[in-house]
C-alpha cells in the first residue's frame, strides 16, 4: 500500500505572533510501527518525501531505546 499523506500544518511563531504553514508527511516507525506526522523541519523529511515506497524511519523513542540497550550490554557485569 503506497499511500502518501502530505498536509499543511499551521504553527504560530511566538516571537513574531505570525502563523506559518509547514508541510507534514505521515511516516511509520520501522521498529514500533507507530505512525508519526513528520514536519518539514525534521532531519529526515527530505529523504521521506522523495521515497518511492511508503515512508518509514526510526522514531526518536526507538532510537534512544536501542542506544540505551546497547550501552547497557557493553557495561561490565558487576561481581556478586
N, C-alpha and C. Protein backbone atom coordinates (compact mmCIF):
# COMPACT_ATOMS: atom_id res chain seq x y z
N UNK A 1 0.85 -1.17 0.00
CA UNK A 1 0.00 0.00 0.00
C UNK A 1 0.90 1.23 0.00
N UNK A 2 0.86 1.99 -1.03
CA UNK A 2 1.70 3.19 -1.12
C UNK A 2 0.84 4.44 -1.04
N UNK A 3 0.49 4.79 0.17
CA UNK A 3 -0.32 5.98 0.40
C UNK A 3 0.55 7.03 1.06
N UNK A 4 0.70 8.16 0.41
CA UNK A 4 1.46 9.26 0.97
C UNK A 4 0.48 10.31 1.46
N UNK A 5 0.66 10.73 2.67
CA UNK A 5 -0.21 11.74 3.23
C UNK A 5 0.58 13.03 3.45
N UNK A 6 0.43 13.96 2.55
CA UNK A 6 1.01 15.28 2.72
C UNK A 6 -0.10 16.21 3.19
N UNK A 7 0.20 17.03 4.16
CA UNK A 7 -0.78 18.01 4.60
C UNK A 7 -0.05 19.23 5.13
N UNK A 8 -0.79 20.29 5.24
CA UNK A 8 -0.22 21.52 5.77
C UNK A 8 -0.60 21.67 7.23
N UNK A 9 0.34 22.05 8.03
CA UNK A 9 0.10 22.30 9.45
C UNK A 9 0.37 23.77 9.71
N UNK A 10 -0.39 24.34 10.60
CA UNK A 10 -0.26 25.76 10.92
C UNK A 10 0.37 25.90 12.29
N UNK A 11 1.46 26.66 12.35
CA UNK A 11 2.17 26.89 13.60
C UNK A 11 2.27 28.38 13.85
N UNK A 12 2.16 28.77 15.11
CA UNK A 12 2.29 30.16 15.48
C UNK A 12 3.70 30.42 15.99
N UNK A 13 4.36 31.38 15.40
CA UNK A 13 5.68 31.79 15.86
C UNK A 13 5.46 32.70 17.07
N UNK A 14 5.96 32.28 18.23
CA UNK A 14 5.68 33.01 19.46
C UNK A 14 6.43 34.34 19.54
N UNK A 15 7.54 34.46 18.83
CA UNK A 15 8.28 35.72 18.85
C UNK A 15 7.57 36.80 18.05
N UNK A 16 7.15 36.47 16.84
CA UNK A 16 6.53 37.48 15.98
C UNK A 16 5.01 37.42 16.01
N UNK A 17 4.44 36.29 16.44
CA UNK A 17 2.99 36.16 16.50
C UNK A 17 2.34 35.80 15.19
N UNK A 18 3.13 35.56 14.14
CA UNK A 18 2.55 35.23 12.85
C UNK A 18 2.35 33.72 12.72
N UNK A 19 1.39 33.35 11.91
CA UNK A 19 1.07 31.94 11.68
C UNK A 19 1.83 31.47 10.45
N UNK A 20 2.57 30.38 10.60
CA UNK A 20 3.36 29.83 9.50
C UNK A 20 2.78 28.49 9.08
N UNK A 21 2.93 28.19 7.81
CA UNK A 21 2.47 26.91 7.28
C UNK A 21 3.67 25.99 7.09
N UNK A 22 3.58 24.78 7.63
CA UNK A 22 4.63 23.78 7.46
C UNK A 22 4.02 22.53 6.86
N UNK A 23 4.75 21.89 5.97
CA UNK A 23 4.27 20.64 5.38
C UNK A 23 4.57 19.49 6.32
N UNK A 24 3.68 18.48 6.28
CA UNK A 24 3.86 17.28 7.07
C UNK A 24 3.69 16.07 6.17
N UNK A 25 4.31 14.98 6.55
CA UNK A 25 4.12 13.71 5.87
C UNK A 25 3.94 12.64 6.95
N UNK A 26 3.01 11.73 6.72
CA UNK A 26 2.79 10.63 7.66
C UNK A 26 3.79 9.53 7.34
N UNK A 27 4.58 9.15 8.34
CA UNK A 27 5.59 8.10 8.17
C UNK A 27 5.49 7.13 9.33
N UNK A 28 5.87 5.90 9.07
CA UNK A 28 5.76 4.84 10.06
C UNK A 28 7.15 4.47 10.58
N UNK A 29 7.24 4.24 11.91
CA UNK A 29 8.48 3.81 12.53
C UNK A 29 8.73 2.34 12.17
N UNK A 30 9.97 2.01 11.81
CA UNK A 30 10.32 0.64 11.44
C UNK A 30 10.32 -0.31 12.63
N UNK A 31 10.57 0.19 13.83
CA UNK A 31 10.68 -0.69 14.99
C UNK A 31 9.36 -0.85 15.75
N UNK A 32 8.69 0.24 16.08
CA UNK A 32 7.46 0.13 16.87
C UNK A 32 6.20 0.14 16.01
N UNK A 33 6.28 0.59 14.77
CA UNK A 33 5.13 0.58 13.87
C UNK A 33 4.17 1.74 14.05
N UNK A 34 4.48 2.65 14.94
CA UNK A 34 3.60 3.80 15.18
C UNK A 34 3.74 4.80 14.04
N UNK A 35 2.63 5.44 13.67
CA UNK A 35 2.64 6.43 12.60
C UNK A 35 2.84 7.82 13.20
N UNK A 36 3.78 8.56 12.64
CA UNK A 36 4.09 9.91 13.10
C UNK A 36 3.87 10.90 11.98
N UNK A 37 3.52 12.12 12.33
CA UNK A 37 3.48 13.23 11.38
C UNK A 37 4.84 13.91 11.42
N UNK A 38 5.61 13.74 10.37
CA UNK A 38 6.95 14.30 10.29
C UNK A 38 6.85 15.65 9.59
N UNK A 39 7.29 16.71 10.26
CA UNK A 39 7.21 18.05 9.70
C UNK A 39 8.45 18.35 8.87
N UNK A 40 8.37 19.41 8.06
CA UNK A 40 9.46 19.71 7.14
C UNK A 40 10.74 20.18 7.81
N UNK A 41 10.71 20.51 9.08
CA UNK A 41 11.95 20.88 9.77
C UNK A 41 12.65 19.67 10.39
N UNK A 42 12.07 18.47 10.25
CA UNK A 42 12.68 17.23 10.74
C UNK A 42 13.87 16.85 9.86
N UNK A 43 14.88 16.24 10.45
CA UNK A 43 16.11 15.92 9.71
C UNK A 43 15.88 14.93 8.58
N UNK A 44 14.87 14.06 8.66
CA UNK A 44 14.62 13.04 7.64
C UNK A 44 13.52 13.41 6.67
N UNK A 45 12.98 14.62 6.73
CA UNK A 45 11.83 14.97 5.90
C UNK A 45 12.14 14.88 4.41
N UNK A 46 13.28 15.39 3.99
CA UNK A 46 13.62 15.38 2.57
C UNK A 46 13.71 13.95 2.04
N UNK A 47 14.37 13.07 2.81
CA UNK A 47 14.51 11.68 2.40
C UNK A 47 13.14 10.99 2.34
N UNK A 48 12.28 11.27 3.31
CA UNK A 48 10.96 10.64 3.35
C UNK A 48 10.06 11.12 2.22
N UNK A 49 10.16 12.40 1.87
CA UNK A 49 9.30 12.93 0.82
C UNK A 49 9.73 12.45 -0.56
N UNK A 50 11.00 12.09 -0.73
CA UNK A 50 11.48 11.60 -2.01
C UNK A 50 11.36 10.09 -2.16
N UNK A 51 10.94 9.39 -1.10
CA UNK A 51 10.86 7.93 -1.14
C UNK A 51 9.78 7.48 -2.10
N UNK A 52 10.07 6.41 -2.84
CA UNK A 52 9.10 5.87 -3.79
C UNK A 52 8.17 4.88 -3.12
N UNK A 53 8.58 4.33 -1.99
CA UNK A 53 7.76 3.39 -1.24
C UNK A 53 7.08 4.15 -0.10
N UNK A 54 6.40 3.40 0.75
CA UNK A 54 5.76 4.00 1.91
C UNK A 54 6.85 4.58 2.81
N UNK A 55 6.74 5.85 3.21
CA UNK A 55 7.79 6.46 4.02
C UNK A 55 7.91 5.81 5.39
N UNK A 56 9.12 5.47 5.77
CA UNK A 56 9.36 4.87 7.07
C UNK A 56 10.71 5.37 7.60
N UNK A 57 10.81 5.42 8.91
CA UNK A 57 12.02 5.89 9.57
C UNK A 57 12.06 5.29 10.97
N UNK A 58 13.08 5.58 11.75
CA UNK A 58 13.16 5.13 13.14
C UNK A 58 12.91 6.35 14.02
N UNK A 59 11.88 6.27 14.86
CA UNK A 59 11.49 7.42 15.69
C UNK A 59 12.53 7.66 16.79
N UNK A 60 12.44 8.82 17.41
CA UNK A 60 13.40 9.20 18.45
C UNK A 60 13.32 8.26 19.65
N UNK A 61 12.11 7.86 20.03
CA UNK A 61 11.95 6.97 21.18
C UNK A 61 12.66 5.64 20.95
N UNK A 62 12.44 5.03 19.79
CA UNK A 62 13.08 3.74 19.48
C UNK A 62 14.59 3.90 19.33
N UNK A 63 15.02 5.00 18.75
CA UNK A 63 16.45 5.25 18.60
C UNK A 63 17.13 5.35 19.97
N UNK A 64 16.50 6.06 20.89
CA UNK A 64 17.05 6.18 22.25
C UNK A 64 17.01 4.85 22.98
N UNK A 65 15.95 4.06 22.77
CA UNK A 65 15.83 2.76 23.42
C UNK A 65 16.94 1.82 22.95
N UNK A 66 17.19 1.78 21.65
CA UNK A 66 18.24 0.92 21.11
C UNK A 66 19.61 1.36 21.62
N UNK A 67 19.85 2.66 21.67
CA UNK A 67 21.13 3.16 22.18
C UNK A 67 21.32 2.79 23.65
N UNK A 68 20.26 2.92 24.46
CA UNK A 68 20.34 2.58 25.87
C UNK A 68 20.61 1.08 26.05
N UNK A 69 19.91 0.24 25.29
CA UNK A 69 20.12 -1.21 25.40
C UNK A 69 21.54 -1.60 25.00
N UNK A 70 22.08 -0.98 23.97
CA UNK A 70 23.45 -1.31 23.56
C UNK A 70 24.47 -0.81 24.58
N UNK A 71 24.21 0.34 25.19
CA UNK A 71 25.10 0.84 26.24
C UNK A 71 25.09 -0.10 27.45
N UNK A 72 23.91 -0.58 27.83
CA UNK A 72 23.80 -1.50 28.96
C UNK A 72 24.48 -2.83 28.65
N UNK A 73 24.42 -3.27 27.42
CA UNK A 73 25.03 -4.54 27.03
C UNK A 73 26.56 -4.45 27.09
N UNK A 74 27.11 -3.28 26.78
CA UNK A 74 28.57 -3.10 26.78
C UNK A 74 29.16 -2.94 28.18
N UNK A 75 28.33 -2.62 29.16
CA UNK A 75 28.85 -2.44 30.52
C UNK A 75 29.34 -3.78 31.08
N UNK A 76 30.36 -3.70 31.91
CA UNK A 76 30.85 -4.91 32.55
C UNK A 76 29.86 -5.35 33.62
N UNK A 77 29.73 -6.66 33.75
CA UNK A 77 28.81 -7.18 34.77
C UNK A 77 29.43 -6.99 36.15
N UNK A 78 28.59 -6.64 37.11
CA UNK A 78 29.06 -6.42 38.46
C UNK A 78 29.28 -7.77 39.16
N UNK A 79 30.36 -7.89 39.89
CA UNK A 79 30.58 -9.15 40.62
C UNK A 79 29.61 -9.28 41.79
N UNK A 80 29.28 -10.48 42.10
CA UNK A 80 28.31 -10.71 43.18
C UNK A 80 29.01 -10.72 44.51
